Amino acid sequence: MTRSRFAAFALIAAVAALIVLAPSGRIASQAFDQVFVTNFPNPQTIEGAVDIAGPILQSRMVAYRQLTVPPVDPADTTRLVDGGRLISDGFPAVVLSLHGEVKGSVQKPGSVGAMLVPDEPAIQDAFNQVGLVHFALRVTAPHVSPGTPFFASDQPRYTIGFQQYKVLLFNTTDKTVTVDLYAYLTD
């Protein structure tokens, strides 16, 4: 091999090595940028141990079983049957279901239902003093008749607006009924 060929080969090899080994990319700046860090005060200080015992409930069924409801019109608020209280705190919605049985033979068809009235002082005052039913959640079995002793409601879903409700029951038939009210508290 001649010297000129060797020199040309060495030059090509050096250029190829420069291309392969040269750093790629673009250098924008070698100066440091100035950064400001602002520490805000801690808005929620937690002291002590934090513990969650068991799973977090996503739903809960509350059942009011074997409630006896004599004939009482829903407009007669002084005679509505007290079924207890529903504690709804922490749940945004409830699905209500009513199931029951007539004691005897119905001569006058009617409806059986429940009203959940918020257990708040101002709302209860309006209810107790004047008979006004504000913000009630209602479930009704509308066709209680002589055809069968059993009846059931649809299952309405409501947004919960209060932490606690009074359960009040009515019956527009002419016979006493026994009902089960189910309140499914859920997301």
N, C-alpha and C. Protein backbone atom coordinates (compact mmCIF):
# COMPACT_ATOMS: atom_id res chain seq x y z
N MET A 1 0.84 -1.14 0.00
CA MET A 1 0.00 0.00 0.00
C MET A 1 0.91 1.24 0.00
N THR A 2 0.51 2.20 -0.75
CA THR A 2 1.31 3.40 -0.88
C THR A 2 0.98 4.38 0.23
N ARG A 3 1.87 5.32 0.36
CA ARG A 3 1.68 6.29 1.42
C ARG A 3 0.44 7.15 1.21
N SER A 4 0.16 7.56 0.02
CA SER A 4 -1.00 8.40 -0.25
C SER A 4 -2.30 7.65 0.03
N ARG A 5 -2.30 6.36 -0.31
CA ARG A 5 -3.49 5.57 0.00
C ARG A 5 -3.62 5.39 1.51
N PHE A 6 -2.55 5.15 2.16
CA PHE A 6 -2.58 5.00 3.62
C PHE A 6 -3.04 6.29 4.29
N ALA A 7 -2.57 7.43 3.82
CA ALA A 7 -2.97 8.73 4.38
C ALA A 7 -4.45 8.97 4.14
N ALA A 8 -4.95 8.64 2.94
CA ALA A 8 -6.37 8.81 2.63
C ALA A 8 -7.22 7.90 3.51
N PHE A 9 -6.78 6.65 3.70
CA PHE A 9 -7.49 5.70 4.54
C PHE A 9 -7.50 6.17 5.99
N ALA A 10 -6.41 6.69 6.49
CA ALA A 10 -6.31 7.19 7.87
C ALA A 10 -7.20 8.41 8.04
N LEU A 11 -7.27 9.28 7.03
CA LEU A 11 -8.12 10.46 7.09
C LEU A 11 -9.59 10.08 7.13
N ILE A 12 -9.99 9.14 6.32
CA ILE A 12 -11.39 8.67 6.29
C ILE A 12 -11.74 8.02 7.63
N ALA A 13 -10.82 7.21 8.18
CA ALA A 13 -11.06 6.55 9.47
C ALA A 13 -11.18 7.58 10.59
N ALA A 14 -10.38 8.64 10.56
CA ALA A 14 -10.43 9.68 11.59
C ALA A 14 -11.74 10.45 11.51
N VAL A 15 -12.18 10.78 10.28
CA VAL A 15 -13.46 11.50 10.11
C VAL A 15 -14.60 10.63 10.59
N ALA A 16 -14.59 9.35 10.25
CA ALA A 16 -15.65 8.42 10.69
C ALA A 16 -15.67 8.29 12.20
N ALA A 17 -14.51 8.22 12.81
CA ALA A 17 -14.43 8.13 14.27
C ALA A 17 -14.98 9.40 14.91
N LEU A 18 -14.67 10.56 14.33
CA LEU A 18 -15.21 11.82 14.86
C LEU A 18 -16.74 11.86 14.77
N ILE A 19 -17.28 11.37 13.66
CA ILE A 19 -18.73 11.38 13.48
C ILE A 19 -19.39 10.44 14.49
N VAL A 20 -18.83 9.25 14.65
CA VAL A 20 -19.42 8.25 15.56
C VAL A 20 -19.23 8.65 17.01
N LEU A 21 -18.11 9.15 17.38
CA LEU A 21 -17.82 9.43 18.78
C LEU A 21 -18.16 10.85 19.22
N ALA A 22 -18.50 11.71 18.30
CA ALA A 22 -18.81 13.10 18.65
C ALA A 22 -20.13 13.15 19.41
N PRO A 23 -20.27 14.02 20.43
CA PRO A 23 -21.55 14.13 21.16
C PRO A 23 -22.62 14.70 20.25
N SER A 24 -23.84 14.14 20.41
CA SER A 24 -24.95 14.62 19.58
C SER A 24 -25.85 15.51 20.44
N GLY A 25 -26.77 16.23 19.81
CA GLY A 25 -27.67 17.11 20.55
C GLY A 25 -27.18 18.53 20.48
N ARG A 26 -27.96 19.41 21.11
CA ARG A 26 -27.65 20.81 21.06
C ARG A 26 -27.44 21.33 22.46
N ILE A 27 -26.46 22.09 22.66
CA ILE A 27 -26.23 22.72 23.95
C ILE A 27 -26.87 24.08 23.90
N ALA A 28 -27.92 24.27 24.74
CA ALA A 28 -28.65 25.53 24.71
C ALA A 28 -27.93 26.59 25.53
N SER A 29 -27.58 26.21 26.77
CA SER A 29 -26.93 27.19 27.61
C SER A 29 -26.20 26.45 28.71
N GLN A 30 -25.11 26.98 29.11
CA GLN A 30 -24.40 26.38 30.20
C GLN A 30 -24.55 27.20 31.47
N ALA A 31 -25.37 28.24 31.41
CA ALA A 31 -25.59 29.08 32.59
C ALA A 31 -26.70 28.45 33.44
N PHE A 32 -26.65 28.65 34.75
CA PHE A 32 -27.67 28.13 35.64
C PHE A 32 -28.89 29.05 35.64
N ASP A 33 -30.11 28.43 35.68
CA ASP A 33 -31.33 29.21 35.81
C ASP A 33 -31.58 29.45 37.29
N GLN A 34 -32.17 30.60 37.59
CA GLN A 34 -32.47 30.94 38.97
C GLN A 34 -33.84 30.36 39.32
N VAL A 35 -33.96 29.65 40.44
CA VAL A 35 -35.20 28.99 40.86
C VAL A 35 -35.59 29.52 42.23
N PHE A 36 -36.88 29.85 42.41
CA PHE A 36 -37.39 30.29 43.72
C PHE A 36 -38.31 29.23 44.27
N VAL A 37 -38.15 28.84 45.51
CA VAL A 37 -39.00 27.86 46.18
C VAL A 37 -39.74 28.59 47.28
N THR A 38 -41.09 28.47 47.25
CA THR A 38 -41.91 29.10 48.27
C THR A 38 -42.57 28.01 49.09
N ASN A 39 -42.35 27.99 50.35
CA ASN A 39 -42.98 27.02 51.25
C ASN A 39 -44.20 27.66 51.88
N PHE A 40 -45.39 27.10 51.57
CA PHE A 40 -46.62 27.60 52.15
C PHE A 40 -46.84 26.94 53.50
N PRO A 41 -47.57 27.58 54.40
CA PRO A 41 -47.82 26.95 55.69
C PRO A 41 -48.70 25.70 55.51
N ASN A 42 -48.53 24.73 56.36
CA ASN A 42 -49.28 23.48 56.29
C ASN A 42 -50.72 23.74 56.72
N PRO A 43 -51.71 23.62 55.81
CA PRO A 43 -53.09 23.97 56.17
C PRO A 43 -53.77 22.96 57.09
N GLN A 44 -53.36 21.71 57.06
CA GLN A 44 -53.99 20.69 57.89
C GLN A 44 -52.92 19.89 58.60
N THR A 45 -52.69 20.24 59.84
CA THR A 45 -51.68 19.54 60.62
C THR A 45 -52.32 18.32 61.26
N ILE A 46 -51.69 17.19 61.09
CA ILE A 46 -52.18 15.95 61.68
C ILE A 46 -51.18 15.55 62.76
N GLU A 47 -51.70 15.38 63.96
CA GLU A 47 -50.85 14.97 65.07
C GLU A 47 -51.30 13.61 65.56
N GLY A 48 -50.38 12.82 66.01
CA GLY A 48 -50.71 11.51 66.55
C GLY A 48 -50.79 10.47 65.45
N ALA A 49 -51.26 9.29 65.82
CA ALA A 49 -51.33 8.18 64.89
C ALA A 49 -52.63 8.26 64.07
N VAL A 50 -52.52 7.92 62.81
CA VAL A 50 -53.68 7.84 61.92
C VAL A 50 -53.88 6.38 61.58
N ASP A 51 -55.10 5.89 61.83
CA ASP A 51 -55.37 4.47 61.63
C ASP A 51 -56.76 4.30 61.04
N ILE A 52 -56.89 3.44 60.06
CA ILE A 52 -58.19 3.08 59.51
C ILE A 52 -58.42 1.63 59.87
N ALA A 53 -59.42 1.40 60.72
CA ALA A 53 -59.71 0.04 61.17
C ALA A 53 -60.69 -0.61 60.21
N GLY A 54 -60.23 -1.59 59.48
CA GLY A 54 -61.11 -2.32 58.58
C GLY A 54 -61.36 -1.57 57.29
N PRO A 55 -62.19 -2.15 56.44
CA PRO A 55 -62.48 -1.51 55.15
C PRO A 55 -63.40 -0.30 55.32
N ILE A 56 -63.29 0.64 54.39
CA ILE A 56 -64.16 1.81 54.38
C ILE A 56 -65.47 1.40 53.72
N LEU A 57 -66.59 1.65 54.41
CA LEU A 57 -67.89 1.23 53.91
C LEU A 57 -68.30 2.04 52.69
N GLN A 58 -68.74 1.36 51.65
CA GLN A 58 -69.26 1.99 50.46
C GLN A 58 -70.79 2.01 50.47
N SER A 59 -71.38 1.12 51.28
CA SER A 59 -72.83 1.06 51.38
C SER A 59 -73.21 0.36 52.68
N ARG A 60 -74.50 0.52 53.04
CA ARG A 60 -75.00 -0.12 54.25
C ARG A 60 -76.51 -0.27 54.12
N MET A 61 -77.02 -1.43 54.51
CA MET A 61 -78.46 -1.68 54.49
C MET A 61 -79.01 -1.48 55.90
N VAL A 62 -80.06 -0.68 56.00
CA VAL A 62 -80.76 -0.48 57.26
C VAL A 62 -82.18 -0.99 57.03
N ALA A 63 -82.63 -1.93 57.87
CA ALA A 63 -83.96 -2.52 57.71
C ALA A 63 -84.81 -2.22 58.94
N TYR A 64 -86.04 -1.83 58.68
CA TYR A 64 -87.06 -1.64 59.72
C TYR A 64 -88.08 -2.74 59.48
N ARG A 65 -88.06 -3.76 60.30
CA ARG A 65 -88.85 -4.97 60.03
C ARG A 65 -90.09 -5.06 60.93
N GLN A 66 -91.12 -5.66 60.35
CA GLN A 66 -92.36 -5.99 61.06
C GLN A 66 -92.98 -4.79 61.77
N LEU A 67 -93.09 -3.68 61.04
CA LEU A 67 -93.74 -2.49 61.58
C LEU A 67 -95.24 -2.59 61.32
N THR A 68 -96.04 -2.47 62.36
CA THR A 68 -97.50 -2.54 62.23
C THR A 68 -98.04 -1.14 61.94
N VAL A 69 -98.81 -1.02 60.85
CA VAL A 69 -99.33 0.27 60.44
C VAL A 69 -100.85 0.16 60.28
N PRO A 70 -101.61 0.74 61.21
CA PRO A 70 -103.07 0.76 61.06
C PRO A 70 -103.46 1.77 59.99
N PRO A 71 -104.72 1.80 59.58
CA PRO A 71 -105.14 2.81 58.61
C PRO A 71 -104.90 4.23 59.14
N VAL A 72 -104.13 5.01 58.39
CA VAL A 72 -103.86 6.41 58.72
C VAL A 72 -103.51 7.14 57.43
N ASP A 73 -104.20 8.25 57.18
CA ASP A 73 -104.00 9.04 55.98
C ASP A 73 -102.67 9.80 56.09
N PRO A 74 -101.89 9.93 54.99
CA PRO A 74 -100.62 10.65 55.08
C PRO A 74 -100.79 12.13 55.41
N ALA A 75 -101.96 12.69 55.14
CA ALA A 75 -102.21 14.10 55.47
C ALA A 75 -102.46 14.30 56.95
N ASP A 76 -102.81 13.23 57.67
CA ASP A 76 -103.06 13.31 59.11
C ASP A 76 -101.72 13.13 59.83
N THR A 77 -100.91 14.17 59.83
CA THR A 77 -99.52 14.07 60.31
C THR A 77 -99.42 13.78 61.81
N THR A 78 -100.49 14.02 62.56
CA THR A 78 -100.43 13.75 64.00
C THR A 78 -100.60 12.27 64.30
N ARG A 79 -101.07 11.49 63.33
CA ARG A 79 -101.31 10.07 63.56
C ARG A 79 -100.35 9.15 62.81
N LEU A 80 -99.44 9.69 62.04
CA LEU A 80 -98.49 8.85 61.30
C LEU A 80 -97.72 7.96 62.26
N VAL A 81 -97.42 6.75 61.82
CA VAL A 81 -96.73 5.77 62.68
C VAL A 81 -95.24 6.04 62.66
N ASP A 82 -94.67 6.19 63.84
CA ASP A 82 -93.22 6.44 63.99
C ASP A 82 -92.47 5.13 63.81
N GLY A 83 -91.62 5.07 62.79
CA GLY A 83 -90.86 3.86 62.51
C GLY A 83 -89.44 3.90 63.03
N GLY A 84 -89.02 5.01 63.61
CA GLY A 84 -87.66 5.12 64.12
C GLY A 84 -86.90 6.22 63.40
N ARG A 85 -85.57 6.11 63.42
CA ARG A 85 -84.71 7.10 62.80
C ARG A 85 -83.72 6.42 61.86
N LEU A 86 -83.40 7.14 60.80
CA LEU A 86 -82.38 6.68 59.86
C LEU A 86 -81.20 7.63 59.98
N ILE A 87 -80.05 7.10 60.39
CA ILE A 87 -78.81 7.87 60.47
C ILE A 87 -78.13 7.71 59.11
N SER A 88 -78.05 8.79 58.36
CA SER A 88 -77.53 8.73 56.99
C SER A 88 -76.19 9.43 56.84
N ASP A 89 -75.60 9.87 57.92
CA ASP A 89 -74.37 10.65 57.90
C ASP A 89 -73.25 9.89 57.17
N GLY A 90 -72.65 10.54 56.19
CA GLY A 90 -71.53 9.96 55.47
C GLY A 90 -71.91 9.32 54.14
N PHE A 91 -73.19 9.15 53.86
CA PHE A 91 -73.63 8.55 52.59
C PHE A 91 -74.34 9.61 51.76
N PRO A 92 -74.05 9.68 50.46
CA PRO A 92 -74.68 10.70 49.62
C PRO A 92 -76.03 10.30 49.02
N ALA A 93 -76.40 9.01 49.08
CA ALA A 93 -77.65 8.58 48.44
C ALA A 93 -78.28 7.44 49.22
N VAL A 94 -79.59 7.26 49.00
CA VAL A 94 -80.33 6.16 49.61
C VAL A 94 -81.33 5.62 48.60
N VAL A 95 -81.50 4.30 48.61
CA VAL A 95 -82.52 3.63 47.82
C VAL A 95 -83.52 3.06 48.82
N LEU A 96 -84.80 3.42 48.66
CA LEU A 96 -85.84 2.98 49.59
C LEU A 96 -86.69 1.89 48.96
N SER A 97 -87.02 0.88 49.76
CA SER A 97 -87.87 -0.23 49.31
C SER A 97 -88.85 -0.55 50.42
N LEU A 98 -90.10 -0.79 50.05
CA LEU A 98 -91.14 -1.09 51.03
C LEU A 98 -91.84 -2.38 50.61
N HIS A 99 -91.97 -3.29 51.54
CA HIS A 99 -92.63 -4.58 51.29
C HIS A 99 -93.56 -4.83 52.46
N GLY A 100 -94.72 -5.42 52.19
CA GLY A 100 -95.63 -5.65 53.30
C GLY A 100 -96.69 -6.69 53.04
N GLU A 101 -97.51 -6.87 54.08
CA GLU A 101 -98.59 -7.85 54.04
C GLU A 101 -99.80 -7.28 54.76
N VAL A 102 -100.97 -7.49 54.16
CA VAL A 102 -102.22 -7.03 54.74
C VAL A 102 -102.69 -8.06 55.76
N LYS A 103 -103.16 -7.58 56.91
CA LYS A 103 -103.73 -8.45 57.93
C LYS A 103 -105.23 -8.48 57.72
N GLY A 104 -105.73 -9.51 57.11
CA GLY A 104 -107.16 -9.60 56.81
C GLY A 104 -107.40 -9.36 55.33
N SER A 105 -108.65 -9.12 54.98
CA SER A 105 -109.04 -8.91 53.59
C SER A 105 -109.36 -7.43 53.38
N VAL A 106 -108.69 -6.83 52.40
CA VAL A 106 -108.88 -5.41 52.11
C VAL A 106 -110.22 -5.21 51.40
N GLN A 107 -111.06 -4.34 51.93
CA GLN A 107 -112.31 -3.97 51.28
C GLN A 107 -112.14 -2.66 50.51
N LYS A 108 -111.31 -1.77 51.03
CA LYS A 108 -111.05 -0.47 50.41
C LYS A 108 -109.59 -0.43 49.95
N PRO A 109 -109.35 -0.55 48.63
CA PRO A 109 -107.96 -0.48 48.15
C PRO A 109 -107.33 0.87 48.48
N GLY A 110 -106.01 0.87 48.58
CA GLY A 110 -105.30 2.10 48.90
C GLY A 110 -103.81 1.94 48.70
N SER A 111 -103.07 2.76 49.40
CA SER A 111 -101.61 2.73 49.30
C SER A 111 -101.01 2.70 50.69
N VAL A 112 -99.81 2.16 50.75
CA VAL A 112 -99.05 2.10 51.99
C VAL A 112 -97.69 2.70 51.68
N GLY A 113 -97.18 3.53 52.59
CA GLY A 113 -95.90 4.15 52.29
C GLY A 113 -95.18 4.67 53.52
N ALA A 114 -94.04 5.23 53.23
CA ALA A 114 -93.20 5.80 54.28
C ALA A 114 -92.67 7.15 53.81
N MET A 115 -92.53 8.06 54.77
CA MET A 115 -91.90 9.36 54.53
C MET A 115 -90.73 9.48 55.48
N LEU A 116 -89.61 9.89 54.95
CA LEU A 116 -88.45 10.16 55.79
C LEU A 116 -88.31 11.68 55.86
N VAL A 117 -88.59 12.23 57.03
CA VAL A 117 -88.58 13.68 57.24
C VAL A 117 -87.28 14.04 57.96
N PRO A 118 -86.54 15.03 57.46
CA PRO A 118 -85.28 15.41 58.11
C PRO A 118 -85.47 15.70 59.59
N ASP A 119 -84.60 15.14 60.40
CA ASP A 119 -84.66 15.32 61.85
C ASP A 119 -83.82 16.54 62.23
N GLU A 120 -84.29 17.70 61.81
CA GLU A 120 -83.67 18.99 62.09
C GLU A 120 -84.68 19.81 62.88
N PRO A 121 -84.26 20.58 63.87
CA PRO A 121 -85.21 21.30 64.72
C PRO A 121 -86.22 22.17 63.97
N ALA A 122 -85.79 22.98 63.03
CA ALA A 122 -86.70 23.88 62.31
C ALA A 122 -87.70 23.09 61.47
N ILE A 123 -87.23 22.03 60.81
CA ILE A 123 -88.10 21.21 59.97
C ILE A 123 -89.09 20.43 60.83
N GLN A 124 -88.63 19.93 61.97
CA GLN A 124 -89.52 19.19 62.87
C GLN A 124 -90.54 20.13 63.52
N ASP A 125 -90.17 21.38 63.80
CA ASP A 125 -91.12 22.35 64.34
C ASP A 125 -92.25 22.60 63.34
N ALA A 126 -91.90 22.79 62.06
CA ALA A 126 -92.93 23.00 61.03
C ALA A 126 -93.84 21.79 60.91
N PHE A 127 -93.26 20.60 61.05
CA PHE A 127 -94.04 19.37 60.97
C PHE A 127 -94.96 19.22 62.18
N ASN A 128 -94.42 19.40 63.38
CA ASN A 128 -95.19 19.18 64.60
C ASN A 128 -96.24 20.26 64.86
N GLN A 129 -95.94 21.50 64.52
CA GLN A 129 -96.85 22.60 64.83
C GLN A 129 -97.93 22.80 63.77
N VAL A 130 -97.57 22.65 62.49
CA VAL A 130 -98.52 22.96 61.43
C VAL A 130 -98.79 21.77 60.50
N GLY A 131 -98.01 20.70 60.64
CA GLY A 131 -98.19 19.54 59.78
C GLY A 131 -97.54 19.65 58.42
N LEU A 132 -96.58 20.58 58.27
CA LEU A 132 -95.87 20.73 57.00
C LEU A 132 -94.76 19.70 56.89
N VAL A 133 -94.70 19.05 55.74
CA VAL A 133 -93.68 18.02 55.50
C VAL A 133 -92.69 18.59 54.49
N HIS A 134 -91.55 19.05 54.98
CA HIS A 134 -90.52 19.64 54.11
C HIS A 134 -89.39 18.65 53.86
N PHE A 135 -88.93 18.61 52.62
CA PHE A 135 -87.76 17.83 52.20
C PHE A 135 -87.89 16.33 52.49
N ALA A 136 -89.08 15.79 52.43
CA ALA A 136 -89.29 14.37 52.74
C ALA A 136 -88.85 13.48 51.59
N LEU A 137 -88.32 12.33 51.93
CA LEU A 137 -88.03 11.26 50.98
C LEU A 137 -89.19 10.28 51.10
N ARG A 138 -89.81 9.89 49.99
CA ARG A 138 -91.02 9.08 50.04
C ARG A 138 -90.87 7.79 49.26
N VAL A 139 -91.51 6.75 49.77
CA VAL A 139 -91.63 5.49 49.06
C VAL A 139 -93.06 4.99 49.29
N THR A 140 -93.72 4.54 48.22
CA THR A 140 -95.13 4.15 48.31
C THR A 140 -95.39 2.88 47.52
N ALA A 141 -96.17 1.98 48.11
CA ALA A 141 -96.74 0.84 47.40
C ALA A 141 -98.16 1.24 47.04
N PRO A 142 -98.42 1.62 45.77
CA PRO A 142 -99.67 2.30 45.45
C PRO A 142 -100.91 1.43 45.28
N HIS A 143 -100.77 0.16 45.00
CA HIS A 143 -101.93 -0.65 44.64
C HIS A 143 -102.14 -1.81 45.63
N VAL A 144 -102.48 -1.49 46.84
CA VAL A 144 -102.78 -2.52 47.83
C VAL A 144 -104.27 -2.81 47.68
N SER A 145 -104.59 -4.05 47.28
CA SER A 145 -105.98 -4.41 46.96
C SER A 145 -106.29 -5.83 47.42
N PRO A 146 -107.55 -6.24 47.28
CA PRO A 146 -107.93 -7.58 47.73
C PRO A 146 -107.31 -8.72 46.93
N GLY A 147 -106.67 -8.45 45.81
CA GLY A 147 -106.12 -9.50 44.96
C GLY A 147 -105.09 -10.37 45.64
N THR A 148 -104.24 -9.81 46.45
CA THR A 148 -103.19 -10.56 47.14
C THR A 148 -102.88 -9.86 48.46
N PRO A 149 -102.51 -10.63 49.47
CA PRO A 149 -102.20 -9.97 50.75
C PRO A 149 -100.83 -9.28 50.75
N PHE A 150 -99.99 -9.52 49.74
CA PHE A 150 -98.64 -8.96 49.71
C PHE A 150 -98.57 -7.77 48.77
N PHE A 151 -97.70 -6.85 49.08
CA PHE A 151 -97.51 -5.67 48.24
C PHE A 151 -96.07 -5.21 48.34
N ALA A 152 -95.65 -4.41 47.35
CA ALA A 152 -94.29 -3.86 47.34
C ALA A 152 -94.27 -2.56 46.56
N SER A 153 -93.28 -1.75 46.84
CA SER A 153 -93.11 -0.45 46.19
C SER A 153 -92.10 -0.56 45.06
N ASP A 154 -91.98 0.53 44.31
CA ASP A 154 -90.82 0.70 43.44
C ASP A 154 -89.65 1.01 44.36
N GLN A 155 -88.46 1.21 43.79
CA GLN A 155 -87.27 1.50 44.59
C GLN A 155 -86.69 2.85 44.19
N PRO A 156 -87.25 3.94 44.71
CA PRO A 156 -86.71 5.25 44.36
C PRO A 156 -85.34 5.49 45.00
N ARG A 157 -84.51 6.22 44.27
CA ARG A 157 -83.18 6.61 44.77
C ARG A 157 -83.21 8.11 45.01
N TYR A 158 -82.71 8.52 46.18
CA TYR A 158 -82.71 9.93 46.55
C TYR A 158 -81.30 10.38 46.93
N THR A 159 -81.03 11.66 46.67
CA THR A 159 -79.83 12.29 47.20
C THR A 159 -80.12 12.68 48.64
N ILE A 160 -79.21 12.34 49.53
CA ILE A 160 -79.39 12.63 50.95
C ILE A 160 -78.93 14.05 51.22
N GLY A 161 -79.77 14.80 51.94
CA GLY A 161 -79.42 16.18 52.26
C GLY A 161 -79.24 16.44 53.73
N PHE A 162 -79.53 15.43 54.58
CA PHE A 162 -79.46 15.63 56.03
C PHE A 162 -78.82 14.41 56.68
N GLN A 163 -78.30 14.62 57.89
CA GLN A 163 -77.59 13.54 58.59
C GLN A 163 -78.53 12.52 59.22
N GLN A 164 -79.77 12.93 59.46
CA GLN A 164 -80.69 12.04 60.17
C GLN A 164 -82.13 12.33 59.72
N TYR A 165 -82.93 11.27 59.61
CA TYR A 165 -84.32 11.39 59.21
C TYR A 165 -85.22 10.63 60.18
N LYS A 166 -86.45 11.15 60.38
CA LYS A 166 -87.48 10.43 61.11
C LYS A 166 -88.27 9.62 60.09
N VAL A 167 -88.51 8.34 60.40
CA VAL A 167 -89.28 7.47 59.51
C VAL A 167 -90.73 7.48 59.98
N LEU A 168 -91.63 7.88 59.08
CA LEU A 168 -93.06 7.94 59.38
C LEU A 168 -93.82 7.14 58.33
N LEU A 169 -94.80 6.33 58.79
CA LEU A 169 -95.51 5.42 57.90
C LEU A 169 -96.99 5.76 57.83
N PHE A 170 -97.61 5.47 56.67
CA PHE A 170 -99.04 5.69 56.49
C PHE A 170 -99.67 4.51 55.76
N ASN A 171 -101.00 4.43 55.80
CA ASN A 171 -101.75 3.32 55.22
C ASN A 171 -103.15 3.83 54.89
N THR A 172 -103.49 3.91 53.61
CA THR A 172 -104.81 4.41 53.23
C THR A 172 -105.82 3.30 52.95
N THR A 173 -105.47 2.04 53.23
CA THR A 173 -106.45 0.97 53.11
C THR A 173 -107.31 0.94 54.37
N ASP A 174 -108.25 -0.02 54.42
CA ASP A 174 -109.11 -0.13 55.60
C ASP A 174 -108.65 -1.22 56.57
N LYS A 175 -107.50 -1.84 56.31
CA LYS A 175 -106.98 -2.90 57.17
C LYS A 175 -105.58 -2.57 57.66
N THR A 176 -105.23 -3.11 58.80
CA THR A 176 -103.87 -2.96 59.33
C THR A 176 -102.91 -3.78 58.47
N VAL A 177 -101.72 -3.25 58.27
CA VAL A 177 -100.70 -3.93 57.49
C VAL A 177 -99.42 -4.05 58.31
N THR A 178 -98.59 -4.99 57.91
CA THR A 178 -97.26 -5.14 58.49
C THR A 178 -96.26 -4.88 57.37
N VAL A 179 -95.31 -3.99 57.60
CA VAL A 179 -94.37 -3.62 56.54
C VAL A 179 -92.92 -3.81 56.99
N ASP A 180 -92.09 -3.98 55.99
CA ASP A 180 -90.64 -3.95 56.14
C ASP A 180 -90.15 -2.81 55.25
N LEU A 181 -89.41 -1.90 55.81
CA LEU A 181 -88.84 -0.78 55.06
C LEU A 181 -87.33 -0.99 55.01
N TYR A 182 -86.78 -0.93 53.81
CA TYR A 182 -85.34 -1.09 53.61
C TYR A 182 -84.76 0.22 53.10
N ALA A 183 -83.72 0.68 53.73
CA ALA A 183 -83.01 1.88 53.31
C ALA A 183 -81.58 1.46 53.00
N TYR A 184 -81.24 1.46 51.71
CA TYR A 184 -79.90 1.06 51.26
C TYR A 184 -79.09 2.33 51.06
N LEU A 185 -78.22 2.64 52.02
CA LEU A 185 -77.35 3.82 51.95
C LEU A 185 -76.16 3.48 51.07
N THR A 186 -75.88 4.36 50.10
CA THR A 186 -74.85 4.04 49.12
C THR A 186 -74.20 5.31 48.57
N ASP A 187 -73.23 5.11 47.67
CA ASP A 187 -72.55 6.24 47.00
C ASP A 187 -73.40 6.79 45.89
